[in-house]
Protein backbone atom coordinates (compact mmCIF):
# COMPACT_ATOMS: atom_id res chain seq x y z
CA MET A 1 -10.75 -0.26 -7.99
CA ILE A 2 -11.99 -3.09 -5.82
CA ILE A 3 -9.60 -4.99 -3.58
CA LYS A 4 -10.62 -7.98 -1.51
CA GLY A 5 -8.27 -9.73 0.87
CA LYS A 6 -7.21 -10.66 4.36
CA VAL A 7 -5.98 -8.16 6.91
CA HIS A 8 -2.36 -8.08 8.07
CA LYS A 9 -2.46 -5.77 11.09
CA TYR A 10 0.49 -3.90 12.61
CA GLY A 11 0.86 -1.17 15.22
CA ASP A 12 2.31 2.34 15.26
CA ASN A 13 5.63 3.53 13.84
CA ILE A 14 6.29 0.67 11.44
CA ASP A 15 9.45 2.03 9.88
CA THR A 16 10.99 1.27 6.52
CA ASP A 17 13.70 -0.85 8.16
CA VAL A 18 10.97 -3.10 9.58
CA ILE A 19 9.18 -3.23 6.23
CA ILE A 20 12.39 -4.23 4.43
CA PRO A 21 15.48 -4.64 6.64
CA ALA A 22 18.54 -2.70 5.45
CA ARG A 23 20.59 -5.90 5.20
CA TYR A 24 18.62 -6.75 2.03
CA LEU A 25 19.07 -3.40 0.32
CA ASN A 26 21.96 -4.69 -1.74
CA SER A 27 19.25 -5.73 -4.19
CA SER A 28 16.62 -3.75 -6.06
CA ASN A 29 15.01 -6.94 -7.31
CA SER A 30 11.37 -6.63 -6.21
CA LYS A 31 10.86 -10.40 -5.97
CA GLU A 32 13.90 -10.75 -3.73
CA LEU A 33 12.74 -7.83 -1.56
CA SER A 34 9.26 -9.33 -1.17
CA LYS A 35 10.76 -12.52 0.33
CA HIS A 36 11.98 -10.45 3.30
CA CYS A 37 9.11 -7.99 3.61
CA MET A 38 8.09 -7.48 7.27
CA GLU A 39 10.28 -10.39 8.42
CA ASP A 40 11.69 -8.61 11.48
CA ILE A 41 8.20 -7.98 12.86
CA ASP A 42 6.29 -10.88 11.28
CA SER A 43 8.48 -13.77 10.19
CA GLU A 44 5.56 -15.56 8.48
CA PHE A 45 4.32 -12.57 6.45
CA SER A 46 5.93 -13.57 3.15
CA SER A 47 4.58 -17.13 3.34
CA ARG A 48 1.11 -16.06 4.57
CA VAL A 49 0.38 -13.04 2.36
CA ARG A 50 -1.73 -13.53 -0.77
CA ARG A 51 -2.43 -11.29 -3.76
CA GLY A 52 -5.15 -8.82 -2.77
CA ASP A 53 -4.41 -8.82 0.95
CA VAL A 54 -4.46 -5.53 2.83
CA ILE A 55 -2.12 -4.09 5.47
CA ILE A 56 -3.84 -2.18 8.27
CA ALA A 57 -1.56 -0.17 10.53
CA GLY A 58 -1.51 2.46 13.23
CA GLU A 59 0.15 5.87 13.22
CA ASN A 60 3.17 6.94 11.17
CA PHE A 61 3.44 3.92 8.86
CA GLY A 62 6.59 4.00 6.72
CA CYS A 63 8.60 6.34 8.95
CA GLY A 64 12.39 6.21 8.85
CA SER A 65 14.54 6.11 5.74
CA SER A 66 13.02 7.38 2.53
CA ARG A 67 13.86 4.24 0.58
CA GLU A 68 11.48 3.20 -2.20
CA HIS A 69 12.36 -0.42 -1.45
CA ALA A 70 9.76 -0.48 1.35
CA PRO A 71 6.60 0.12 -0.74
CA ILE A 72 8.10 -1.97 -3.56
CA ALA A 73 8.54 -4.95 -1.19
CA ILE A 74 4.95 -4.59 0.05
CA LYS A 75 3.47 -4.33 -3.43
CA GLU A 76 5.51 -7.24 -4.80
CA SER A 77 4.25 -9.31 -1.86
CA GLY A 78 0.76 -8.99 -3.32
CA VAL A 79 -0.56 -6.16 -1.17
CA ASN A 80 -2.08 -3.36 -3.26
CA ILE A 81 -3.34 -1.17 -0.45
CA VAL A 82 -2.17 -0.06 2.98
CA ILE A 83 -4.70 1.59 5.29
CA ALA A 84 -3.05 3.34 8.23
CA LYS A 85 -4.06 5.91 10.80
CA SER A 86 -1.28 8.06 9.31
CA PHE A 87 1.74 7.75 7.04
CA ALA A 88 5.21 9.22 6.98
CA ARG A 89 4.99 11.71 4.11
CA ILE A 90 7.87 10.33 2.03
CA PHE A 91 6.53 6.77 2.30
CA TYR A 92 3.08 8.03 1.27
CA ARG A 93 4.48 9.67 -1.87
CA ASN A 94 6.77 6.71 -2.67
CA ALA A 95 3.80 4.35 -2.34
CA ILE A 96 1.79 6.27 -4.94
CA ASN A 97 4.82 6.55 -7.21
CA ILE A 98 5.25 2.78 -7.32
CA GLY A 99 1.52 1.99 -7.54
CA LEU A 100 0.74 1.03 -3.93
CA ILE A 101 -2.44 2.68 -2.59
CA PRO A 102 -2.00 4.45 0.77
CA ILE A 103 -5.28 5.33 2.52
CA GLU A 104 -5.35 7.30 5.76
CA ASN A 105 -8.17 6.28 8.08
CA SER A 106 -8.22 6.11 11.86
CA GLU A 107 -11.56 4.31 12.19
CA ILE A 108 -10.79 0.97 10.53
CA TYR A 109 -7.81 0.04 12.74
CA GLU A 110 -9.97 -0.48 15.82
CA LYS A 111 -12.59 -2.49 13.91
CA VAL A 112 -10.47 -5.20 12.29
CA SER A 113 -8.27 -8.04 13.46
CA LYS A 114 -5.48 -9.96 11.78
CA GLY A 115 -6.97 -12.42 9.28
CA ASN A 116 -10.31 -10.62 8.83
CA LEU A 117 -11.53 -10.42 5.25
CA ILE A 118 -12.27 -6.92 3.95
CA LEU A 119 -13.33 -5.40 0.66
CA VAL A 120 -12.05 -1.96 -0.34
CA ASN A 121 -13.83 -0.02 -3.07
CA THR A 122 -11.66 3.01 -3.83
CA ASP A 123 -14.10 4.29 -6.47
CA GLU A 124 -16.94 4.48 -3.93
CA GLY A 125 -14.71 5.33 -0.95
CA ILE A 126 -16.08 2.43 1.09
CA VAL A 127 -14.50 -0.43 3.02
CA ASN A 128 -16.73 -3.41 3.85
CA LEU A 129 -15.60 -5.18 7.00
CA SER A 130 -16.15 -8.85 7.80
CA THR A 131 -18.72 -7.75 10.39
CA GLY A 132 -20.90 -6.38 7.61
CA GLU A 133 -20.14 -2.81 8.67
CA GLU A 134 -19.13 -0.21 6.08
CA VAL A 135 -16.54 2.48 6.74
CA ASN A 136 -16.14 5.52 4.53
CA ILE A 137 -12.63 6.35 3.37
CA THR A 138 -11.19 9.26 1.45
CA LYS A 139 -11.02 8.31 -2.20
CA PRO A 140 -7.67 8.74 -3.95
CA SER A 141 -7.63 11.84 -6.17
CA LYS A 142 -8.10 11.48 -9.92
CA TYR A 143 -4.39 12.20 -10.35
CA GLN A 144 -3.43 9.51 -7.82
CA LEU A 145 -5.81 7.01 -9.43
CA ASN A 146 -4.26 7.63 -12.84
CA ILE A 147 -0.82 6.87 -11.43
CA LEU A 148 -2.05 3.85 -9.46
CA GLU A 149 -4.01 2.40 -12.38
CA ASN A 150 -0.89 2.63 -14.55
CA GLY A 151 1.12 0.72 -11.96
CA GLY A 152 3.09 3.72 -10.74
CA LEU A 153 4.48 7.08 -11.84
CA VAL A 154 7.07 5.70 -14.28
CA ASN A 155 4.47 3.66 -16.16
CA PHE A 156 2.03 6.57 -16.03
CA ILE A 157 4.58 8.85 -17.72
CA LYS A 158 5.64 6.15 -20.24
CA ASN A 159 2.02 5.56 -21.22
CA ARG A 160 1.35 9.26 -21.63
CA ILE A 161 4.45 10.19 -23.61
CA SER A 162 2.91 8.63 -26.68
CA LYS A 163 -0.16 10.83 -26.33
CA PRO A 164 0.97 14.11 -24.68
CA GLU A 165 -2.27 15.90 -25.57
CA GLY A 166 -4.10 13.63 -23.14
CA ILE A 167 -1.85 14.08 -20.13
CA LEU A 168 -3.22 17.50 -19.18
CA ASN A 169 -6.76 16.15 -19.16
CA GLU A 170 -5.82 13.43 -16.68
CA ILE A 171 -4.10 15.56 -14.06
């Protein structure tokens, strides 16, 4: 999977209430959630973000409540990948389950700035920075890629129910 987009950079401990404030959790509509994604920390995020953009963050991204709304809001905003120094475990799992790629890497954060253009190649495990430098990343596992390529765990299971003999070969 190749993803090319601009960097939206945030610091440490970006919690799920910052990603999608609790006052909007009366809706599970992904389009509605995306309108308010990151608004308490970056009021222009929803108007600036474009399909293919990448979030780069510091330590413990997605900490706080275990709500799935947070990765859903990010993905619906057009971001397909978040690269952080580290993730809260529940956010990490929720991200994969809804089809948002979480990549842990502590090297990239220091090398990019907000607005830089980067290219992420998850198949090769390489990120090309706007400086021309390449950074190696851990590739998602085959199991994670299968879920991500199907748009999330629910779609992965739906697509495999019709051919159960194939599901064991893909895990």
